[in-house]
Amino acid sequence: FHAMDTLQRNGYDLARAMATLVPQGGPVLCRDEMEEWSASEAMLFEEALEKYGKDFNDIRQDFLPWKSLASIVQFYYMWKTTDRYIQQVW
C-alpha cells in the first residue's frame, strides 16, 4: 500500500517515486539481528532455549547476560526462519 501510494503521489513516475523512498546520500544499509550474533552465541541460545523454552528472561540471565532482552526476542523470531529451527522441529 505504501509503494502504491508513493507511486500515485508522484504521478506514476517510477523514477521519481523511487527517489522519494531513498534518503539523501543514498540507501541505508541495515543489519539484521542474525548478523549481530556469533556462532557460539547462537549455540548458547539454542542450548538455553532447550532448557528454558521461551522464558527469555531466564535465557538472558543464565546464558546471554550481555545481550538485551529485545535482542534475544528478535533473534528468536529470526532464528525460527532458519534451517536449524526447521531441522529441530522435524
N, C-alpha and C. Protein backbone atom coordinates (compact mmCIF):
# COMPACT_ATOMS: atom_id res chain seq x y z
N PHE A 1 0.82 -1.19 0.00
CA PHE A 1 0.00 0.00 0.00
C PHE A 1 0.87 1.26 0.00
N HIS A 2 1.95 1.22 0.77
CA HIS A 2 2.84 2.38 0.84
C HIS A 2 3.47 2.65 -0.54
N ALA A 3 3.90 1.57 -1.21
CA ALA A 3 4.52 1.72 -2.52
C ALA A 3 3.53 2.28 -3.53
N MET A 4 2.31 1.76 -3.51
CA MET A 4 1.29 2.25 -4.45
C MET A 4 0.95 3.71 -4.18
N ASP A 5 0.84 4.05 -2.91
CA ASP A 5 0.54 5.44 -2.55
C ASP A 5 1.67 6.36 -3.00
N THR A 6 2.90 5.93 -2.78
CA THR A 6 4.05 6.74 -3.20
C THR A 6 4.06 6.93 -4.71
N LEU A 7 3.77 5.86 -5.43
CA LEU A 7 3.72 5.94 -6.88
C LEU A 7 2.62 6.91 -7.34
N GLN A 8 1.47 6.83 -6.70
CA GLN A 8 0.35 7.72 -7.06
C GLN A 8 0.70 9.17 -6.76
N ARG A 9 1.28 9.43 -5.58
CA ARG A 9 1.63 10.80 -5.20
C ARG A 9 2.68 11.40 -6.14
N ASN A 10 3.43 10.56 -6.83
CA ASN A 10 4.45 11.05 -7.76
C ASN A 10 4.01 10.93 -9.21
N GLY A 11 2.69 10.96 -9.42
CA GLY A 11 2.15 10.97 -10.77
C GLY A 11 2.52 9.75 -11.60
N TYR A 12 2.71 8.63 -10.95
CA TYR A 12 3.06 7.36 -11.61
C TYR A 12 4.39 7.42 -12.34
N ASP A 13 5.24 8.35 -11.90
CA ASP A 13 6.60 8.44 -12.42
C ASP A 13 7.46 7.54 -11.52
N LEU A 14 7.81 6.36 -12.03
CA LEU A 14 8.50 5.36 -11.22
C LEU A 14 9.84 5.88 -10.69
N ALA A 15 10.62 6.53 -11.51
CA ALA A 15 11.93 7.04 -11.08
C ALA A 15 11.77 8.05 -9.95
N ARG A 16 10.82 8.96 -10.09
CA ARG A 16 10.60 9.97 -9.05
C ARG A 16 10.08 9.32 -7.76
N ALA A 17 9.19 8.36 -7.90
CA ALA A 17 8.65 7.67 -6.72
C ALA A 17 9.76 6.93 -5.98
N MET A 18 10.62 6.24 -6.72
CA MET A 18 11.73 5.52 -6.08
C MET A 18 12.70 6.48 -5.41
N ALA A 19 12.91 7.62 -6.02
CA ALA A 19 13.82 8.61 -5.44
C ALA A 19 13.29 9.14 -4.11
N THR A 20 11.97 9.23 -3.96
CA THR A 20 11.42 9.71 -2.68
C THR A 20 11.58 8.68 -1.58
N LEU A 21 11.78 7.43 -1.94
CA LEU A 21 11.94 6.38 -0.94
C LEU A 21 13.38 6.22 -0.45
N VAL A 22 14.34 6.79 -1.17
CA VAL A 22 15.75 6.68 -0.80
C VAL A 22 16.18 7.98 -0.14
N PRO A 23 16.71 7.91 1.08
CA PRO A 23 17.12 9.14 1.77
C PRO A 23 18.29 9.82 1.05
N GLN A 24 18.47 11.12 1.35
CA GLN A 24 19.58 11.88 0.76
C GLN A 24 20.89 11.17 1.07
N GLY A 25 21.76 11.07 0.11
CA GLY A 25 23.05 10.44 0.34
C GLY A 25 23.06 8.96 -0.01
N GLY A 26 21.96 8.41 -0.41
CA GLY A 26 21.93 7.00 -0.82
C GLY A 26 21.16 6.12 0.14
N PRO A 27 21.06 4.86 -0.19
CA PRO A 27 20.29 3.93 0.63
C PRO A 27 20.96 3.67 1.97
N VAL A 28 20.16 3.32 2.94
CA VAL A 28 20.65 2.99 4.27
C VAL A 28 20.77 1.47 4.34
N LEU A 29 21.93 1.01 4.70
CA LEU A 29 22.13 -0.43 4.84
C LEU A 29 21.81 -0.83 6.27
N CYS A 30 20.98 -1.82 6.42
CA CYS A 30 20.58 -2.30 7.74
C CYS A 30 21.13 -3.70 7.95
N ARG A 31 21.50 -3.97 9.17
CA ARG A 31 21.94 -5.31 9.52
C ARG A 31 20.82 -5.97 10.31
N ASP A 32 20.60 -7.22 10.04
CA ASP A 32 19.57 -7.90 10.81
C ASP A 32 20.19 -8.50 12.07
N GLU A 33 19.35 -8.94 12.97
CA GLU A 33 19.80 -9.44 14.27
C GLU A 33 20.71 -10.66 14.13
N MET A 34 20.50 -11.46 13.09
CA MET A 34 21.32 -12.66 12.91
C MET A 34 22.78 -12.29 12.69
N GLU A 35 23.04 -11.17 12.06
CA GLU A 35 24.41 -10.75 11.79
C GLU A 35 25.12 -10.27 13.05
N GLU A 36 24.36 -9.89 14.06
CA GLU A 36 24.93 -9.35 15.29
C GLU A 36 25.35 -10.44 16.27
N TRP A 37 25.04 -11.68 15.97
CA TRP A 37 25.30 -12.80 16.88
C TRP A 37 26.41 -13.68 16.30
N SER A 38 27.32 -14.09 17.15
CA SER A 38 28.37 -15.03 16.72
C SER A 38 27.78 -16.44 16.70
N ALA A 39 28.51 -17.36 16.08
CA ALA A 39 28.06 -18.75 16.04
C ALA A 39 27.98 -19.34 17.44
N SER A 40 28.93 -18.98 18.30
CA SER A 40 28.90 -19.52 19.67
C SER A 40 27.73 -18.95 20.46
N GLU A 41 27.37 -17.70 20.23
CA GLU A 41 26.20 -17.12 20.89
C GLU A 41 24.92 -17.80 20.42
N ALA A 42 24.85 -18.11 19.12
CA ALA A 42 23.68 -18.80 18.59
C ALA A 42 23.56 -20.19 19.20
N MET A 43 24.68 -20.87 19.38
CA MET A 43 24.65 -22.19 20.01
C MET A 43 24.21 -22.09 21.47
N LEU A 44 24.70 -21.07 22.17
CA LEU A 44 24.26 -20.84 23.55
C LEU A 44 22.76 -20.59 23.60
N PHE A 45 22.27 -19.81 22.66
CA PHE A 45 20.85 -19.52 22.59
C PHE A 45 20.05 -20.81 22.41
N GLU A 46 20.48 -21.67 21.50
CA GLU A 46 19.77 -22.92 21.26
C GLU A 46 19.78 -23.82 22.49
N GLU A 47 20.91 -23.86 23.17
CA GLU A 47 21.02 -24.64 24.41
C GLU A 47 20.07 -24.08 25.47
N ALA A 48 20.05 -22.77 25.59
CA ALA A 48 19.17 -22.13 26.58
C ALA A 48 17.70 -22.34 26.23
N LEU A 49 17.38 -22.28 24.96
CA LEU A 49 16.01 -22.48 24.52
C LEU A 49 15.54 -23.90 24.85
N GLU A 50 16.44 -24.85 24.68
CA GLU A 50 16.12 -26.23 25.01
C GLU A 50 15.85 -26.38 26.52
N LYS A 51 16.62 -25.65 27.32
CA LYS A 51 16.48 -25.74 28.77
C LYS A 51 15.27 -24.97 29.29
N TYR A 52 15.06 -23.74 28.80
CA TYR A 52 14.06 -22.84 29.37
C TYR A 52 12.83 -22.62 28.49
N GLY A 53 12.84 -23.14 27.27
CA GLY A 53 11.74 -22.81 26.38
C GLY A 53 11.82 -21.34 26.02
N LYS A 54 10.68 -20.69 25.94
CA LYS A 54 10.67 -19.27 25.54
C LYS A 54 10.71 -18.33 26.74
N ASP A 55 11.30 -18.76 27.85
CA ASP A 55 11.46 -17.87 29.01
C ASP A 55 12.71 -17.03 28.76
N PHE A 56 12.52 -15.96 28.00
CA PHE A 56 13.65 -15.14 27.55
C PHE A 56 14.39 -14.46 28.69
N ASN A 57 13.70 -14.16 29.78
CA ASN A 57 14.38 -13.57 30.93
C ASN A 57 15.40 -14.54 31.52
N ASP A 58 15.03 -15.82 31.67
CA ASP A 58 15.97 -16.81 32.19
C ASP A 58 17.09 -17.07 31.19
N ILE A 59 16.76 -17.09 29.91
CA ILE A 59 17.79 -17.29 28.88
C ILE A 59 18.83 -16.18 29.00
N ARG A 60 18.35 -14.97 29.14
CA ARG A 60 19.28 -13.84 29.25
C ARG A 60 20.09 -13.92 30.53
N GLN A 61 19.43 -14.18 31.63
CA GLN A 61 20.09 -14.20 32.93
C GLN A 61 21.16 -15.28 33.01
N ASP A 62 20.85 -16.49 32.55
CA ASP A 62 21.77 -17.61 32.75
C ASP A 62 22.71 -17.90 31.58
N PHE A 63 22.35 -17.46 30.37
CA PHE A 63 23.16 -17.83 29.22
C PHE A 63 23.74 -16.63 28.46
N LEU A 64 22.99 -15.54 28.34
CA LEU A 64 23.41 -14.44 27.48
C LEU A 64 23.23 -13.08 28.19
N PRO A 65 23.86 -12.88 29.33
CA PRO A 65 23.61 -11.62 30.09
C PRO A 65 24.10 -10.36 29.37
N TRP A 66 24.98 -10.50 28.40
CA TRP A 66 25.48 -9.33 27.66
C TRP A 66 24.55 -8.90 26.54
N LYS A 67 23.52 -9.70 26.26
CA LYS A 67 22.54 -9.35 25.23
C LYS A 67 21.33 -8.71 25.89
N SER A 68 20.69 -7.78 25.20
CA SER A 68 19.46 -7.18 25.72
C SER A 68 18.31 -8.16 25.52
N LEU A 69 17.28 -8.01 26.32
CA LEU A 69 16.10 -8.85 26.19
C LEU A 69 15.48 -8.68 24.81
N ALA A 70 15.42 -7.45 24.33
CA ALA A 70 14.87 -7.18 22.99
C ALA A 70 15.68 -7.89 21.92
N SER A 71 16.99 -7.91 22.05
CA SER A 71 17.86 -8.58 21.08
C SER A 71 17.60 -10.08 21.07
N ILE A 72 17.41 -10.66 22.23
CA ILE A 72 17.16 -12.10 22.34
C ILE A 72 15.81 -12.45 21.71
N VAL A 73 14.80 -11.66 21.99
CA VAL A 73 13.48 -11.93 21.42
C VAL A 73 13.52 -11.78 19.90
N GLN A 74 14.16 -10.73 19.41
CA GLN A 74 14.27 -10.53 17.97
C GLN A 74 15.04 -11.67 17.33
N PHE A 75 16.12 -12.11 17.98
CA PHE A 75 16.89 -13.23 17.45
C PHE A 75 16.04 -14.49 17.39
N TYR A 76 15.23 -14.73 18.39
CA TYR A 76 14.36 -15.90 18.41
C TYR A 76 13.47 -15.94 17.18
N TYR A 77 12.83 -14.83 16.85
CA TYR A 77 11.92 -14.82 15.70
C TYR A 77 12.68 -14.92 14.38
N MET A 78 13.89 -14.39 14.32
CA MET A 78 14.71 -14.56 13.11
C MET A 78 15.18 -16.01 13.02
N TRP A 79 15.59 -16.59 14.15
CA TRP A 79 16.09 -17.95 14.21
C TRP A 79 15.02 -18.95 13.77
N LYS A 80 13.77 -18.66 14.07
CA LYS A 80 12.68 -19.56 13.68
C LYS A 80 12.55 -19.68 12.17
N THR A 81 13.15 -18.80 11.41
CA THR A 81 13.07 -18.86 9.95
C THR A 81 14.26 -19.61 9.35
N THR A 82 15.17 -20.11 10.19
CA THR A 82 16.38 -20.76 9.69
C THR A 82 16.18 -22.26 9.52
N ASP A 83 17.10 -22.86 8.78
CA ASP A 83 17.09 -24.31 8.59
C ASP A 83 17.31 -25.05 9.90
N ARG A 84 18.10 -24.48 10.79
CA ARG A 84 18.37 -25.14 12.08
C ARG A 84 17.08 -25.32 12.88
N TYR A 85 16.23 -24.32 12.86
CA TYR A 85 14.95 -24.43 13.56
C TYR A 85 14.09 -25.51 12.90
N ILE A 86 14.03 -25.50 11.59
CA ILE A 86 13.21 -26.47 10.87
C ILE A 86 13.69 -27.89 11.14
N GLN A 87 15.00 -28.10 11.21
CA GLN A 87 15.56 -29.41 11.50
C GLN A 87 15.19 -29.87 12.90
N GLN A 88 15.13 -28.96 13.86
CA GLN A 88 14.79 -29.32 15.24
C GLN A 88 13.32 -29.68 15.37
N VAL A 89 12.47 -29.01 14.61
CA VAL A 89 11.03 -29.25 14.68
C VAL A 89 10.69 -30.61 14.09
N TRP A 90 11.34 -30.95 12.98
CA TRP A 90 11.01 -32.21 12.30
C TRP A 90 11.94 -33.26 12.79
